[in-house]
Every structure is written in C-alpha cells, then in structure tokens.
Amino acid sequence: YKLRDELSPNASIEDVLELVQWPVNKSNVLLVTHQPLIGDVIKKLLQIQISEVVIRKGSVWWLRSRNKENEEQTMLVTVQTPEML
C-alpha cells in the first residue's frame, strides 16, 4: 500500500478522484481514507443530494464507472459492513 497526501483528512474530492484517475482508470483501486472525505467522494460520484453521507467505519463500498450512451455513470455494486466481511 501507499500513503498519499491526497487521502489525508484535509484533501479535496478532486484530489482523490485525480489520484485514482476516476473515471478513466480501468484497474481496481482500494481507497482507504476517513470521514468526511470518503462520504463526500461517494456523495459526488453517486450524485446524492443530501448534506452529508455517513460511511460506517470499516465498511467497503464497491463503485464502478461506465460510459453509457456517451454519458459517464457511477454504479454502486455493493456495500459490505464489518459484520458482513
């Protein structure tokens, strides 16, 4: 694993997305960071319109990007809580 400043609590959503090369990167990436950054990234990718997305500690969210009819889409594949892992 690599520790990166782009994943620190003071990082921006854009820093994270640039680091993982979203949505053009076709490789699997495991992103580990803290709230509220991870919640903000998921909120942006899934276009959630509430003020805050709370991500349970230790949970795993699997997101996938696809291009359908010339439009980038983010799909939520699954969410696993620590009890399910």
PDB file of N, CA and C in Angstrom:
ATOM      1  N   TYR A   1       0.828  -1.174   0.000  1.00  0.00           N
ATOM      2  CA  TYR A   1       0.000   0.000   0.000  1.00  0.00           C
ATOM      3  C   TYR A   1       0.873   1.238   0.000  1.00  0.00           C
ATOM      4  N   LYS A   2       0.267   2.347  -0.366  1.00  0.00           N
ATOM      5  CA  LYS A   2       0.981   3.620  -0.402  1.00  0.00           C
ATOM      6  C   LYS A   2       0.195   4.648   0.396  1.00  0.00           C
ATOM      7  N   LEU A   3       0.885   5.405   1.232  1.00  0.00           N
ATOM      8  CA  LEU A   3       0.265   6.526   1.929  1.00  0.00           C
ATOM      9  C   LEU A   3       0.393   7.740   1.029  1.00  0.00           C
ATOM     10  N   ARG A   4      -0.709   8.459   0.876  1.00  0.00           N
ATOM     11  CA  ARG A   4      -0.711   9.600  -0.034  1.00  0.00           C
ATOM     12  C   ARG A   4      -1.363  10.801   0.630  1.00  0.00           C
ATOM     13  N   ASP A   5      -0.790  11.983   0.404  1.00  0.00           N
ATOM     14  CA  ASP A   5      -1.372  13.220   0.932  1.00  0.00           C
ATOM     15  C   ASP A   5      -2.767  13.457   0.380  1.00  0.00           C
ATOM     16  N   GLU A   6      -3.034  12.950  -0.834  1.00  0.00           N
ATOM     17  CA  GLU A   6      -4.346  13.132  -1.455  1.00  0.00           C
ATOM     18  C   GLU A   6      -5.458  12.397  -0.709  1.00  0.00           C
ATOM     19  N   LEU A   7      -5.095  11.572   0.261  1.00  0.00           N
ATOM     20  CA  LEU A   7      -6.087  10.830   1.050  1.00  0.00           C
ATOM     21  C   LEU A   7      -6.156  11.304   2.487  1.00  0.00           C
ATOM     22  N   SER A   8      -5.436  12.353   2.796  1.00  0.00           N
ATOM     23  CA  SER A   8      -5.458  12.890   4.167  1.00  0.00           C
ATOM     24  C   SER A   8      -6.810  13.542   4.437  1.00  0.00           C
ATOM     25  N   PRO A   9      -7.155  13.723   5.706  1.00  0.00           N
ATOM     26  CA  PRO A   9      -8.445  14.360   6.028  1.00  0.00           C
ATOM     27  C   PRO A   9      -8.609  15.763   5.428  1.00  0.00           C
ATOM     28  N   ASN A  10      -7.504  16.421   5.081  1.00  0.00           N
ATOM     29  CA  ASN A  10      -7.580  17.773   4.510  1.00  0.00           C
ATOM     30  C   ASN A  10      -7.625  17.776   2.985  1.00  0.00           C
ATOM     31  N   ALA A  11      -7.617  16.618   2.376  1.00  0.00           N
ATOM     32  CA  ALA A  11      -7.631  16.531   0.909  1.00  0.00           C
ATOM     33  C   ALA A  11      -9.006  16.919   0.366  1.00  0.00           C
ATOM     34  N   SER A  12      -9.022  17.239  -0.912  1.00  0.00           N
ATOM     35  CA  SER A  12     -10.282  17.579  -1.570  1.00  0.00           C
ATOM     36  C   SER A  12     -10.804  16.376  -2.346  1.00  0.00           C
ATOM     37  N   ILE A  13     -12.069  16.427  -2.695  1.00  0.00           N
ATOM     38  CA  ILE A  13     -12.671  15.378  -3.522  1.00  0.00           C
ATOM     39  C   ILE A  13     -11.915  15.274  -4.846  1.00  0.00           C
ATOM     40  N   GLU A  14     -11.578  16.402  -5.421  1.00  0.00           N
ATOM     41  CA  GLU A  14     -10.871  16.420  -6.697  1.00  0.00           C
ATOM     42  C   GLU A  14      -9.496  15.768  -6.575  1.00  0.00           C
ATOM     43  N   ASP A  15      -8.806  15.980  -5.426  1.00  0.00           N
ATOM     44  CA  ASP A  15      -7.507  15.324  -5.198  1.00  0.00           C
ATOM     45  C   ASP A  15      -7.653  13.809  -5.250  1.00  0.00           C
ATOM     46  N   VAL A  16      -8.679  13.297  -4.587  1.00  0.00           N
ATOM     47  CA  VAL A  16      -8.906  11.852  -4.527  1.00  0.00           C
ATOM     48  C   VAL A  16      -9.223  11.300  -5.913  1.00  0.00           C
ATOM     49  N   LEU A  17     -10.144  11.950  -6.617  1.00  0.00           N
ATOM     50  CA  LEU A  17     -10.545  11.461  -7.938  1.00  0.00           C
ATOM     51  C   LEU A  17      -9.394  11.519  -8.935  1.00  0.00           C
ATOM     52  N   GLU A  18      -8.559  12.529  -8.826  1.00  0.00           N
ATOM     53  CA  GLU A  18      -7.387  12.612  -9.699  1.00  0.00           C
ATOM     54  C   GLU A  18      -6.387  11.502  -9.345  1.00  0.00           C
ATOM     55  N   LEU A  19      -6.188  11.250  -8.071  1.00  0.00           N
ATOM     56  CA  LEU A  19      -5.260  10.206  -7.639  1.00  0.00           C
ATOM     57  C   LEU A  19      -5.660   8.834  -8.189  1.00  0.00           C
ATOM     58  N   VAL A  20      -6.939   8.509  -8.111  1.00  0.00           N
ATOM     59  CA  VAL A  20      -7.394   7.188  -8.579  1.00  0.00           C
ATOM     60  C   VAL A  20      -7.768   7.194 -10.064  1.00  0.00           C
ATOM     61  N   GLN A  21      -7.610   8.352 -10.694  1.00  0.00           N
ATOM     62  CA  GLN A  21      -7.881   8.533 -12.132  1.00  0.00           C
ATOM     63  C   GLN A  21      -9.309   8.152 -12.490  1.00  0.00           C
ATOM     64  N   TRP A  22     -10.256   8.598 -11.671  1.00  0.00           N
ATOM     65  CA  TRP A  22     -11.677   8.326 -11.891  1.00  0.00           C
ATOM     66  C   TRP A  22     -12.200   9.249 -12.966  1.00  0.00           C
ATOM     67  N   PRO A  23     -12.921   8.831 -13.928  1.00  0.00           N
ATOM     68  CA  PRO A  23     -13.462   7.517 -14.197  1.00  0.00           C
ATOM     69  C   PRO A  23     -12.682   6.735 -15.254  1.00  0.00           C
ATOM     70  N   VAL A  24     -11.526   7.240 -15.698  1.00  0.00           N
ATOM     71  CA  VAL A  24     -10.842   6.612 -16.830  1.00  0.00           C
ATOM     72  C   VAL A  24     -10.025   5.377 -16.457  1.00  0.00           C
ATOM     73  N   ASN A  25      -9.613   5.264 -15.213  1.00  0.00           N
ATOM     74  CA  ASN A  25      -8.815   4.110 -14.772  1.00  0.00           C
ATOM     75  C   ASN A  25      -9.674   2.855 -14.803  1.00  0.00           C
ATOM     76  N   LYS A  26      -9.222   1.847 -15.500  1.00  0.00           N
ATOM     77  CA  LYS A  26      -9.983   0.594 -15.604  1.00  0.00           C
ATOM     78  C   LYS A  26      -9.438  -0.479 -14.654  1.00  0.00           C
ATOM     79  N   SER A  27      -8.475  -0.122 -13.836  1.00  0.00           N
ATOM     80  CA  SER A  27      -7.933  -1.049 -12.845  1.00  0.00           C
ATOM     81  C   SER A  27      -8.748  -0.954 -11.555  1.00  0.00           C
ATOM     82  N   ASN A  28      -8.670  -1.988 -10.750  1.00  0.00           N
ATOM     83  CA  ASN A  28      -9.296  -1.956  -9.430  1.00  0.00           C
ATOM     84  C   ASN A  28      -8.438  -1.152  -8.479  1.00  0.00           C
ATOM     85  N   VAL A  29      -9.088  -0.310  -7.680  1.00  0.00           N
ATOM     86  CA  VAL A  29      -8.388   0.516  -6.710  1.00  0.00           C
ATOM     87  C   VAL A  29      -9.112   0.383  -5.381  1.00  0.00           C
ATOM     88  N   LEU A  30      -8.356   0.114  -4.324  1.00  0.00           N
ATOM     89  CA  LEU A  30      -8.918   0.094  -2.979  1.00  0.00           C
ATOM     90  C   LEU A  30      -8.510   1.391  -2.321  1.00  0.00           C
ATOM     91  N   LEU A  31      -9.487   2.199  -1.989  1.00  0.00           N
ATOM     92  CA  LEU A  31      -9.264   3.521  -1.423  1.00  0.00           C
ATOM     93  C   LEU A  31      -9.611   3.478   0.060  1.00  0.00           C
ATOM     94  N   VAL A  32      -8.651   3.822   0.902  1.00  0.00           N
ATOM     95  CA  VAL A  32      -8.871   3.830   2.346  1.00  0.00           C
ATOM     96  C   VAL A  32      -8.604   5.239   2.840  1.00  0.00           C
ATOM     97  N   THR A  33      -9.623   5.849   3.439  1.00  0.00           N
ATOM     98  CA  THR A  33      -9.478   7.199   3.973  1.00  0.00           C
ATOM     99  C   THR A  33     -10.515   7.389   5.075  1.00  0.00           C
ATOM    100  N   HIS A  34     -10.732   8.614   5.496  1.00  0.00           N
ATOM    101  CA  HIS A  34     -11.554   8.911   6.660  1.00  0.00           C
ATOM    102  C   HIS A  34     -12.793   9.723   6.285  1.00  0.00           C
ATOM    103  N   GLN A  35     -13.729   9.785   7.229  1.00  0.00           N
ATOM    104  CA  GLN A  35     -14.862  10.694   7.132  1.00  0.00           C
ATOM    105  C   GLN A  35     -14.358  12.091   7.448  1.00  0.00           C
ATOM    106  N   PRO A  36     -14.879  13.130   6.902  1.00  0.00           N
ATOM    107  CA  PRO A  36     -15.990  13.157   5.963  1.00  0.00           C
ATOM    108  C   PRO A  36     -15.556  13.003   4.506  1.00  0.00           C
ATOM    109  N   LEU A  37     -14.234  12.878   4.259  1.00  0.00           N
ATOM    110  CA  LEU A  37     -13.742  12.835   2.875  1.00  0.00           C
ATOM    111  C   LEU A  37     -14.355  11.687   2.082  1.00  0.00           C
ATOM    112  N   ILE A  38     -14.347  10.481   2.622  1.00  0.00           N
ATOM    113  CA  ILE A  38     -14.864   9.340   1.868  1.00  0.00           C
ATOM    114  C   ILE A  38     -16.362   9.506   1.588  1.00  0.00           C
ATOM    115  N   GLY A  39     -17.099  10.028   2.564  1.00  0.00           N
ATOM    116  CA  GLY A  39     -18.523  10.287   2.353  1.00  0.00           C
ATOM    117  C   GLY A  39     -18.757  11.323   1.273  1.00  0.00           C
ATOM    118  N   ASP A  40     -17.908  12.343   1.249  1.00  0.00           N
ATOM    119  CA  ASP A  40     -18.032  13.392   0.230  1.00  0.00           C
ATOM    120  C   ASP A  40     -17.720  12.856  -1.168  1.00  0.00           C
ATOM    121  N   VAL A  41     -16.727  11.972  -1.271  1.00  0.00           N
ATOM    122  CA  VAL A  41     -16.387  11.379  -2.570  1.00  0.00           C
ATOM    123  C   VAL A  41     -17.555  10.526  -3.076  1.00  0.00           C
ATOM    124  N   ILE A  42     -18.098   9.684  -2.200  1.00  0.00           N
ATOM    125  CA  ILE A  42     -19.230   8.832  -2.595  1.00  0.00           C
ATOM    126  C   ILE A  42     -20.446   9.679  -2.948  1.00  0.00           C
ATOM    127  N   LYS A  43     -20.690  10.724  -2.176  1.00  0.00           N
ATOM    128  CA  LYS A  43     -21.810  11.633  -2.449  1.00  0.00           C
ATOM    129  C   LYS A  43     -21.681  12.249  -3.841  1.00  0.00           C
ATOM    130  N   LYS A  44     -20.471  12.679  -4.193  1.00  0.00           N
ATOM    131  CA  LYS A  44     -20.262  13.277  -5.516  1.00  0.00           C
ATOM    132  C   LYS A  44     -20.445  12.235  -6.626  1.00  0.00           C
ATOM    133  N   LEU A  45     -19.831  11.060  -6.470  1.00  0.00           N
ATOM    134  CA  LEU A  45     -19.890  10.060  -7.531  1.00  0.00           C
ATOM    135  C   LEU A  45     -21.297   9.534  -7.751  1.00  0.00           C
ATOM    136  N   LEU A  46     -22.072   9.385  -6.680  1.00  0.00           N
ATOM    137  CA  LEU A  46     -23.440   8.870  -6.804  1.00  0.00           C
ATOM    138  C   LEU A  46     -24.476   9.981  -6.951  1.00  0.00           C
ATOM    139  N   GLN A  47     -24.001  11.231  -6.993  1.00  0.00           N
ATOM    140  CA  GLN A  47     -24.867  12.406  -7.157  1.00  0.00           C
ATOM    141  C   GLN A  47     -25.978  12.441  -6.112  1.00  0.00           C
ATOM    142  N   ILE A  48     -25.587  12.228  -4.861  1.00  0.00           N
ATOM    143  CA  ILE A  48     -26.526  12.250  -3.746  1.00  0.00           C
ATOM    144  C   ILE A  48     -26.745  13.696  -3.318  1.00  0.00           C
ATOM    145  N   GLN A  49     -27.980  14.082  -3.138  1.00  0.00           N
ATOM    146  CA  GLN A  49     -28.329  15.476  -2.894  1.00  0.00           C
ATOM    147  C   GLN A  49     -28.586  15.819  -1.426  1.00  0.00           C
ATOM    148  N   ILE A  50     -28.083  15.036  -0.489  1.00  0.00           N
ATOM    149  CA  ILE A  50     -28.234  15.385   0.918  1.00  0.00           C
ATOM    150  C   ILE A  50     -26.953  16.042   1.404  1.00  0.00           C
ATOM    151  N   SER A  51     -27.003  16.664   2.574  1.00  0.00           N
ATOM    152  CA  SER A  51     -25.860  17.449   3.028  1.00  0.00           C
ATOM    153  C   SER A  51     -24.647  16.603   3.398  1.00  0.00           C
ATOM    154  N   GLU A  52     -24.866  15.400   3.934  1.00  0.00           N
ATOM    155  CA  GLU A  52     -23.732  14.585   4.364  1.00  0.00           C
ATOM    156  C   GLU A  52     -24.046  13.101   4.183  1.00  0.00           C
ATOM    157  N   VAL A  53     -23.074  12.372   3.685  1.00  0.00           N
ATOM    158  CA  VAL A  53     -23.180  10.919   3.577  1.00  0.00           C
ATOM    159  C   VAL A  53     -22.267  10.336   4.651  1.00  0.00           C
ATOM    160  N   VAL A  54     -22.844   9.589   5.568  1.00  0.00           N
ATOM    161  CA  VAL A  54     -22.070   8.989   6.644  1.00  0.00           C
ATOM    162  C   VAL A  54     -21.732   7.556   6.258  1.00  0.00           C
ATOM    163  N   ILE A  55     -20.455   7.256   6.258  1.00  0.00           N
ATOM    164  CA  ILE A  55     -19.963   5.935   5.903  1.00  0.00           C
ATOM    165  C   ILE A  55     -19.559   5.226   7.190  1.00  0.00           C
ATOM    166  N   ARG A  56     -20.098   4.060   7.404  1.00  0.00           N
ATOM    167  CA  ARG A  56     -19.792   3.311   8.614  1.00  0.00           C
ATOM    168  C   ARG A  56     -18.332   2.888   8.627  1.00  0.00           C
ATOM    169  N   LYS A  57     -17.699   3.056   9.766  1.00  0.00           N
ATOM    170  CA  LYS A  57     -16.293   2.717   9.928  1.00  0.00           C
ATOM    171  C   LYS A  57     -16.057   1.254   9.547  1.00  0.00           C
ATOM    172  N   GLY A  58     -15.044   1.026   8.716  1.00  0.00           N
ATOM    173  CA  GLY A  58     -14.675  -0.322   8.321  1.00  0.00           C
ATOM    174  C   GLY A  58     -15.506  -0.912   7.198  1.00  0.00           C
ATOM    175  N   SER A  59     -16.423  -0.131   6.640  1.00  0.00           N
ATOM    176  CA  SER A  59     -17.246  -0.672   5.555  1.00  0.00           C
ATOM    177  C   SER A  59     -16.507  -0.572   4.222  1.00  0.00           C
ATOM    178  N   VAL A  60     -16.943  -1.388   3.278  1.00  0.00           N
ATOM    179  CA  VAL A  60     -16.356  -1.420   1.946  1.00  0.00           C
ATOM    180  C   VAL A  60     -17.457  -1.089   0.951  1.00  0.00           C
ATOM    181  N   TRP A  61     -17.222  -0.085   0.138  1.00  0.00           N
ATOM    182  CA  TRP A  61     -18.151   0.318  -0.918  1.00  0.00           C
ATOM    183  C   TRP A  61     -17.477   0.015  -2.253  1.00  0.00           C
ATOM    184  N   TRP A  62     -18.171  -0.706  -3.118  1.00  0.00           N
ATOM    185  CA  TRP A  62     -17.641  -1.043  -4.435  1.00  0.00           C
ATOM    186  C   TRP A  62     -18.413  -0.224  -5.458  1.00  0.00           C
ATOM    187  N   LEU A  63     -17.696   0.696  -6.100  1.00  0.00           N
ATOM    188  CA  LEU A  63     -18.277   1.549  -7.130  1.00  0.00           C
ATOM    189  C   LEU A  63     -17.633   1.199  -8.462  1.00  0.00           C
ATOM    190  N   ARG A  64     -18.410   1.329  -9.512  1.00  0.00           N
ATOM    191  CA  ARG A  64     -17.915   1.045 -10.856  1.00  0.00           C
ATOM    192  C   ARG A  64     -18.350   2.182 -11.776  1.00  0.00           C
ATOM    193  N   SER A  65     -17.474   2.533 -12.686  1.00  0.00           N
ATOM    194  CA  SER A  65     -17.763   3.575 -13.671  1.00  0.00           C
ATOM    195  C   SER A  65     -18.050   2.917 -15.012  1.00  0.00           C
ATOM    196  N   ARG A  66     -18.992   3.505 -15.741  1.00  0.00           N
ATOM    197  CA  ARG A  66     -19.239   3.036 -17.106  1.00  0.00           C
ATOM    198  C   ARG A  66     -19.694   4.215 -17.953  1.00  0.00           C
ATOM    199  N   ASN A  67     -19.509   4.047 -19.242  1.00  0.00           N
ATOM    200  CA  ASN A  67     -19.957   5.054 -20.187  1.00  0.00           C
ATOM    201  C   ASN A  67     -21.114   4.454 -20.964  1.00  0.00           C
ATOM    202  N   LYS A  68     -22.281   5.025 -20.808  1.00  0.00           N
ATOM    203  CA  LYS A  68     -23.470   4.528 -21.494  1.00  0.00           C
ATOM    204  C   LYS A  68     -24.073   5.683 -22.284  1.00  0.00           C
ATOM    205  N   GLU A  69     -24.195   5.465 -23.581  1.00  0.00           N
ATOM    206  CA  GLU A  69     -24.751   6.487 -24.476  1.00  0.00           C
ATOM    207  C   GLU A  69     -24.015   7.817 -24.318  1.00  0.00           C
ATOM    208  N   ASN A  70     -22.675   7.730 -24.276  1.00  0.00           N
ATOM    209  CA  ASN A  70     -21.790   8.896 -24.156  1.00  0.00           C
ATOM    210  C   ASN A  70     -21.986   9.670 -22.854  1.00  0.00           C
ATOM    211  N   GLU A  71     -22.446   9.005 -21.823  1.00  0.00           N
ATOM    212  CA  GLU A  71     -22.600   9.638 -20.513  1.00  0.00           C
ATOM    213  C   GLU A  71     -21.919   8.772 -19.467  1.00  0.00           C
ATOM    214  N   GLU A  72     -21.038   9.401 -18.667  1.00  0.00           N
ATOM    215  CA  GLU A  72     -20.377   8.682 -17.583  1.00  0.00           C
ATOM    216  C   GLU A  72     -21.385   8.415 -16.471  1.00  0.00           C
ATOM    217  N   GLN A  73     -21.416   7.175 -16.025  1.00  0.00           N
ATOM    218  CA  GLN A  73     -22.310   6.786 -14.936  1.00  0.00           C
ATOM    219  C   GLN A  73     -21.504   6.080 -13.861  1.00  0.00           C
ATOM    220  N   THR A  74     -21.932   6.261 -12.619  1.00  0.00           N
ATOM    221  CA  THR A  74     -21.338   5.540 -11.497  1.00  0.00           C
ATOM    222  C   THR A  74     -22.373   4.573 -10.976  1.00  0.00           C
ATOM    223  N   MET A  75     -21.957   3.312 -10.845  1.00  0.00           N
ATOM    224  CA  MET A  75     -22.849   2.275 -10.332  1.00  0.00           C
ATOM    225  C   MET A  75     -22.358   1.845  -8.951  1.00  0.00           C
ATOM    226  N   LEU A  76     -23.296   1.693  -8.032  1.00  0.00           N
ATOM    227  CA  LEU A  76     -22.996   1.122  -6.729  1.00  0.00           C
ATOM    228  C   LEU A  76     -23.194  -0.380  -6.861  1.00  0.00           C
ATOM    229  N   VAL A  77     -22.110  -1.141  -6.772  1.00  0.00           N
ATOM    230  CA  VAL A  77     -22.171  -2.584  -6.949  1.00  0.00           C
ATOM    231  C   VAL A  77     -22.603  -3.254  -5.650  1.00  0.00           C
ATOM    232  N   THR A  78     -21.956  -2.903  -4.536  1.00  0.00           N
ATOM    233  CA  THR A  78     -22.311  -3.473  -3.242  1.00  0.00           C
ATOM    234  C   THR A  78     -21.723  -2.630  -2.114  1.00  0.00           C
ATOM    235  N   VAL A  79     -22.299  -2.783  -0.936  1.00  0.00           N
ATOM    236  CA  VAL A  79     -21.758  -2.206   0.289  1.00  0.00           C
ATOM    237  C   VAL A  79     -21.673  -3.339   1.308  1.00  0.00           C
ATOM    238  N   GLN A  80     -20.510  -3.488   1.920  1.00  0.00           N
ATOM    239  CA  GLN A  80     -20.305  -4.513   2.924  1.00  0.00           C
ATOM    240  C   GLN A  80     -19.928  -3.837   4.241  1.00  0.00           C
ATOM    241  N   THR A  81     -20.673  -4.117   5.293  1.00  0.00           N
ATOM    242  CA  THR A  81     -20.335  -3.603   6.616  1.00  0.00           C
ATOM    243  C   THR A  81     -19.368  -4.575   7.284  1.00  0.00           C
ATOM    244  N   PRO A  82     -18.696  -4.157   8.348  1.00  0.00           N
ATOM    245  CA  PRO A  82     -17.749  -5.055   9.012  1.00  0.00           C
ATOM    246  C   PRO A  82     -18.371  -6.387   9.438  1.00  0.00           C
ATOM    247  N   GLU A  83     -19.628  -6.388   9.821  1.00  0.00           N
ATOM    248  CA  GLU A  83     -20.282  -7.633  10.234  1.00  0.00           C
ATOM    249  C   GLU A  83     -20.441  -8.607   9.070  1.00  0.00           C
ATOM    250  N   MET A  84     -20.484  -8.093   7.865  1.00  0.00           N
ATOM    251  CA  MET A  84     -20.699  -8.925   6.681  1.00  0.00           C
ATOM    252  C   MET A  84     -19.390  -9.457   6.094  1.00  0.00           C
ATOM    253  N   LEU A  85     -18.282  -8.886   6.513  1.00  0.00           N
ATOM    254  CA  LEU A  85     -16.983  -9.279   5.934  1.00  0.00           C
ATOM    255  C   LEU A  85     -16.428 -10.512   6.626  1.00  0.00           C
TER     256      LEU A  85
END
